[in-house]
Amino acid sequence: MKRKEAGITLIEAILAMWILFIAICFIFEVLRTSYTQVTKMKMMSQLATLGSSKLEHILYENSVSDVDWTPFPEAPDFQYKISSSSMAIDDAFPGYQVKQVTLETKGPVGRKNIQEFRLSMGTILLDNTQSVVSTEDSEWGGGISPEACSR
């Protein structure tokens, strides 16, 4: 009667190590991918926060001037660009014009191995370009009468 030796063969050991290697590679790839996605989401969140804060600043000041790509003072890796267009609405509201403001942001700029993101936001401002002294002196040409506004 032959007695079978206890233990594993070389082929079984190599196969077990190969399976372990594949599992470890898979785990590292999942970790790398999730880290990359978390980094992208943090940058997009920072870009959106910076952009909305700049847009709020523009709305608060109620004055817009076009600006080419300029770094944010609080985050130099991120840049913004402001462009505006205006349209007079003298018929309904004399002396006022509508300004469409577009704020584009991008970042991070100039960092290696990191994708640059762009985000565009916009708002509309009602801007009083000239003061109206009196409604009696001005010619009213809109669909809303001064009497309707005073009620």
C-alpha atoms as a PDB file:
ATOM      1  CA  MET A   1       0.000   0.000   0.000  1.00  0.00           C
ATOM      2  CA  LYS A   2       1.420   3.296  -1.124  1.00  0.00           C
ATOM      3  CA  ARG A   3       1.074   6.278   1.064  1.00  0.00           C
ATOM      4  CA  LYS A   4       0.249   9.644  -0.607  1.00  0.00           C
ATOM      5  CA  GLU A   5       2.469  12.538   0.481  1.00  0.00           C
ATOM      6  CA  ALA A   6       0.769  15.547   2.017  1.00  0.00           C
ATOM      7  CA  GLY A   7       1.254  19.006   0.411  1.00  0.00           C
ATOM      8  CA  ILE A   8       0.707  20.746  -2.888  1.00  0.00           C
ATOM      9  CA  THR A   9       2.485  20.344  -6.152  1.00  0.00           C
ATOM     10  CA  LEU A  10       4.522  23.026  -7.891  1.00  0.00           C
ATOM     11  CA  ILE A  11       1.829  23.513 -10.532  1.00  0.00           C
ATOM     12  CA  GLU A  12      -0.819  24.099  -7.868  1.00  0.00           C
ATOM     13  CA  ALA A  13       1.430  26.677  -6.126  1.00  0.00           C
ATOM     14  CA  ILE A  14       2.127  28.542  -9.385  1.00  0.00           C
ATOM     15  CA  LEU A  15      -1.587  28.559 -10.251  1.00  0.00           C
ATOM     16  CA  ALA A  16      -2.493  29.903  -6.775  1.00  0.00           C
ATOM     17  CA  MET A  17       0.134  32.660  -7.037  1.00  0.00           C
ATOM     18  CA  TRP A  18      -1.113  33.588 -10.524  1.00  0.00           C
ATOM     19  CA  ILE A  19      -4.709  33.915  -9.268  1.00  0.00           C
ATOM     20  CA  LEU A  20      -3.508  36.002  -6.307  1.00  0.00           C
ATOM     21  CA  PHE A  21      -1.482  38.258  -8.646  1.00  0.00           C
ATOM     22  CA  ILE A  22      -4.498  38.857 -10.903  1.00  0.00           C
ATOM     23  CA  ALA A  23      -6.694  39.665  -7.891  1.00  0.00           C
ATOM     24  CA  ILE A  24      -4.137  42.143  -6.505  1.00  0.00           C
ATOM     25  CA  CYS A  25      -3.776  43.826  -9.915  1.00  0.00           C
ATOM     26  CA  PHE A  26      -7.547  44.170 -10.168  1.00  0.00           C
ATOM     27  CA  ILE A  27      -7.772  45.713  -6.674  1.00  0.00           C
ATOM     28  CA  PHE A  28      -5.016  48.242  -7.471  1.00  0.00           C
ATOM     29  CA  GLU A  29      -6.699  49.201 -10.747  1.00  0.00           C
ATOM     30  CA  VAL A  30     -10.012  49.795  -8.955  1.00  0.00           C
ATOM     31  CA  LEU A  31      -8.250  51.937  -6.327  1.00  0.00           C
ATOM     32  CA  ARG A  32      -6.391  53.949  -9.005  1.00  0.00           C
ATOM     33  CA  THR A  33      -9.585  54.556 -10.969  1.00  0.00           C
ATOM     34  CA  SER A  34     -11.534  55.635  -7.904  1.00  0.00           C
ATOM     35  CA  TYR A  35      -8.718  57.989  -6.815  1.00  0.00           C
ATOM     36  CA  THR A  36      -8.675  59.548 -10.296  1.00  0.00           C
ATOM     37  CA  GLN A  37     -12.452  60.063 -10.230  1.00  0.00           C
ATOM     38  CA  VAL A  38     -12.346  61.578  -6.735  1.00  0.00           C
ATOM     39  CA  THR A  39      -9.613  63.994  -7.865  1.00  0.00           C
ATOM     40  CA  LYS A  40     -11.649  65.000 -10.940  1.00  0.00           C
ATOM     41  CA  MET A  41     -14.777  65.573  -8.849  1.00  0.00           C
ATOM     42  CA  LYS A  42     -12.848  67.703  -6.340  1.00  0.00           C
ATOM     43  CA  MET A  43     -11.465  69.854  -9.147  1.00  0.00           C
ATOM     44  CA  MET A  44     -14.874  70.232 -10.809  1.00  0.00           C
ATOM     45  CA  SER A  45     -16.388  71.153  -7.447  1.00  0.00           C
ATOM     46  CA  GLN A  46     -13.668  73.744  -6.820  1.00  0.00           C
ATOM     47  CA  LEU A  47     -14.141  75.120 -10.340  1.00  0.00           C
ATOM     48  CA  ALA A  48     -17.921  75.408  -9.847  1.00  0.00           C
ATOM     49  CA  THR A  49     -17.471  77.058  -6.436  1.00  0.00           C
ATOM     50  CA  LEU A  50     -14.975  79.599  -7.766  1.00  0.00           C
ATOM     51  CA  GLY A  51     -17.169  80.331 -10.794  1.00  0.00           C
ATOM     52  CA  SER A  52     -20.376  80.788  -8.826  1.00  0.00           C
ATOM     53  CA  SER A  53     -18.614  83.011  -6.299  1.00  0.00           C
ATOM     54  CA  LYS A  54     -17.261  85.193  -9.132  1.00  0.00           C
ATOM     55  CA  LEU A  55     -20.729  85.327 -10.720  1.00  0.00           C
ATOM     56  CA  GLU A  56     -22.236  86.378  -7.368  1.00  0.00           C
ATOM     57  CA  HIS A  57     -19.561  89.075  -7.108  1.00  0.00           C
ATOM     58  CA  ILE A  58     -20.551  90.364 -10.560  1.00  0.00           C
ATOM     59  CA  LEU A  59     -24.238  90.374  -9.579  1.00  0.00           C
ATOM     60  CA  TYR A  60     -23.463  92.182  -6.323  1.00  0.00           C
ATOM     61  CA  GLU A  61     -21.454  94.917  -8.043  1.00  0.00           C
ATOM     62  CA  ASN A  62     -23.917  95.083 -10.963  1.00  0.00           C
ATOM     63  CA  SER A  63     -21.110  96.208 -13.247  1.00  0.00           C
ATOM     64  CA  VAL A  64     -19.610  94.051 -15.932  1.00  0.00           C
ATOM     65  CA  SER A  65     -16.498  94.513 -17.999  1.00  0.00           C
ATOM     66  CA  ASP A  66     -15.125  91.893 -20.332  1.00  0.00           C
ATOM     67  CA  VAL A  67     -12.052  90.129 -18.946  1.00  0.00           C
ATOM     68  CA  ASP A  68      -9.727  87.753 -20.783  1.00  0.00           C
ATOM     69  CA  TRP A  69      -8.320  84.649 -19.058  1.00  0.00           C
ATOM     70  CA  THR A  70      -7.264  85.743 -15.559  1.00  0.00           C
ATOM     71  CA  PRO A  71      -6.227  83.556 -12.614  1.00  0.00           C
ATOM     72  CA  PHE A  72      -8.457  83.516  -9.548  1.00  0.00           C
ATOM     73  CA  PRO A  73      -6.601  85.256  -6.691  1.00  0.00           C
ATOM     74  CA  GLU A  74      -7.529  82.514  -4.214  1.00  0.00           C
ATOM     75  CA  ALA A  75      -6.658  79.650  -6.605  1.00  0.00           C
ATOM     76  CA  PRO A  76      -4.001  80.564  -9.215  1.00  0.00           C
ATOM     77  CA  ASP A  77      -4.310  77.160 -10.959  1.00  0.00           C
ATOM     78  CA  PHE A  78      -7.836  78.101 -12.068  1.00  0.00           C
ATOM     79  CA  GLN A  79      -8.700  80.900 -14.507  1.00  0.00           C
ATOM     80  CA  TYR A  80     -11.832  82.785 -15.527  1.00  0.00           C
ATOM     81  CA  LYS A  81     -13.006  84.795 -18.513  1.00  0.00           C
ATOM     82  CA  ILE A  82     -15.970  87.194 -18.540  1.00  0.00           C
ATOM     83  CA  SER A  83     -17.843  88.208 -21.668  1.00  0.00           C
ATOM     84  CA  SER A  84     -21.042  90.201 -21.847  1.00  0.00           C
ATOM     85  CA  SER A  85     -23.496  91.423 -24.413  1.00  0.00           C
ATOM     86  CA  SER A  86     -26.196  94.010 -23.899  1.00  0.00           C
ATOM     87  CA  MET A  87     -29.525  94.832 -25.432  1.00  0.00           C
ATOM     88  CA  ALA A  88     -31.600  97.964 -24.830  1.00  0.00           C
ATOM     89  CA  ILE A  89     -35.209  97.552 -23.740  1.00  0.00           C
ATOM     90  CA  ASP A  90     -36.234 101.188 -23.997  1.00  0.00           C
ATOM     91  CA  ASP A  91     -39.841 100.459 -24.919  1.00  0.00           C
ATOM     92  CA  ALA A  92     -40.866  98.897 -21.613  1.00  0.00           C
ATOM     93  CA  PHE A  93     -38.193 100.288 -19.274  1.00  0.00           C
ATOM     94  CA  PRO A  94     -36.552 103.500 -20.480  1.00  0.00           C
ATOM     95  CA  GLY A  95     -32.922 103.867 -19.496  1.00  0.00           C
ATOM     96  CA  TYR A  96     -32.449 100.174 -18.751  1.00  0.00           C
ATOM     97  CA  GLN A  97     -30.659  97.491 -20.711  1.00  0.00           C
ATOM     98  CA  VAL A  98     -30.362  93.760 -20.344  1.00  0.00           C
ATOM     99  CA  LYS A  99     -26.842  92.391 -20.049  1.00  0.00           C
ATOM    100  CA  GLN A 100     -26.166  88.749 -20.644  1.00  0.00           C
ATOM    101  CA  VAL A 101     -23.048  87.758 -18.708  1.00  0.00           C
ATOM    102  CA  THR A 102     -21.101  84.592 -19.472  1.00  0.00           C
ATOM    103  CA  LEU A 103     -18.408  83.400 -17.101  1.00  0.00           C
ATOM    104  CA  GLU A 104     -16.095  80.675 -18.353  1.00  0.00           C
ATOM    105  CA  THR A 105     -13.714  78.930 -15.979  1.00  0.00           C
ATOM    106  CA  LYS A 106     -10.936  76.471 -16.626  1.00  0.00           C
ATOM    107  CA  GLY A 107      -8.412  74.669 -14.540  1.00  0.00           C
ATOM    108  CA  PRO A 108      -6.117  73.443 -13.322  1.00  0.00           C
ATOM    109  CA  VAL A 109      -3.859  75.205 -15.806  1.00  0.00           C
ATOM    110  CA  GLY A 110      -0.260  74.123 -16.339  1.00  0.00           C
ATOM    111  CA  ARG A 111      -0.252  71.031 -14.118  1.00  0.00           C
ATOM    112  CA  LYS A 112       1.204  67.894 -15.640  1.00  0.00           C
ATOM    113  CA  ASN A 113      -0.793  64.677 -15.929  1.00  0.00           C
ATOM    114  CA  ILE A 114      -4.016  66.397 -14.851  1.00  0.00           C
ATOM    115  CA  GLN A 115      -6.860  66.972 -17.275  1.00  0.00           C
ATOM    116  CA  GLU A 116      -7.976  70.584 -17.694  1.00  0.00           C
ATOM    117  CA  PHE A 117     -11.692  71.153 -17.055  1.00  0.00           C
ATOM    118  CA  ARG A 118     -13.895  73.918 -18.457  1.00  0.00           C
ATOM    119  CA  LEU A 119     -17.166  75.173 -17.058  1.00  0.00           C
ATOM    120  CA  SER A 120     -19.433  77.894 -18.410  1.00  0.00           C
ATOM    121  CA  MET A 121     -22.092  79.770 -16.421  1.00  0.00           C
ATOM    122  CA  GLY A 122     -24.315  82.698 -17.268  1.00  0.00           C
ATOM    123  CA  THR A 123     -26.781  85.173 -15.882  1.00  0.00           C
ATOM    124  CA  ILE A 124     -28.833  88.142 -17.040  1.00  0.00           C
ATOM    125  CA  LEU A 125     -28.573  91.575 -15.408  1.00  0.00           C
ATOM    126  CA  LEU A 126     -31.021  94.465 -15.659  1.00  0.00           C
ATOM    127  CA  ASP A 127     -28.728  97.476 -15.779  1.00  0.00           C
ATOM    128  CA  ASN A 128     -29.761 101.107 -15.326  1.00  0.00           C
ATOM    129  CA  THR A 129     -27.523 102.933 -17.787  1.00  0.00           C
ATOM    130  CA  GLN A 130     -29.052 106.357 -17.308  1.00  0.00           C
ATOM    131  CA  SER A 131     -31.239 107.895 -14.653  1.00  0.00           C
ATOM    132  CA  VAL A 132     -34.798 108.803 -15.493  1.00  0.00           C
ATOM    133  CA  VAL A 133     -35.588 112.174 -13.916  1.00  0.00           C
ATOM    134  CA  SER A 134     -39.323 112.249 -14.285  1.00  0.00           C
ATOM    135  CA  THR A 135     -41.928 110.230 -16.109  1.00  0.00           C
ATOM    136  CA  GLU A 136     -43.849 113.380 -17.078  1.00  0.00           C
ATOM    137  CA  ASP A 137     -40.872 114.789 -19.002  1.00  0.00           C
ATOM    138  CA  SER A 138     -40.050 111.591 -20.852  1.00  0.00           C
ATOM    139  CA  GLU A 139     -42.049 110.121 -23.685  1.00  0.00           C
ATOM    140  CA  TRP A 140     -43.528 106.806 -22.612  1.00  0.00           C
ATOM    141  CA  GLY A 141     -43.552 104.272 -25.420  1.00  0.00           C
ATOM    142  CA  GLY A 142     -44.024 100.931 -23.725  1.00  0.00           C
ATOM    143  CA  GLY A 143     -46.966  98.751 -22.887  1.00  0.00           C
ATOM    144  CA  ILE A 144     -46.785  99.628 -19.172  1.00  0.00           C
ATOM    145  CA  SER A 145     -47.959 103.061 -18.120  1.00  0.00           C
ATOM    146  CA  PRO A 146     -46.383 105.011 -15.229  1.00  0.00           C
ATOM    147  CA  GLU A 147     -49.768 104.947 -13.476  1.00  0.00           C
ATOM    148  CA  ALA A 148     -49.767 101.119 -13.540  1.00  0.00           C
ATOM    149  CA  CYS A 149     -46.315 101.068 -11.953  1.00  0.00           C
ATOM    150  CA  SER A 150     -47.348 103.375  -9.103  1.00  0.00           C
ATOM    151  CA  ARG A 151     -50.325 101.215  -8.041  1.00  0.00           C
END
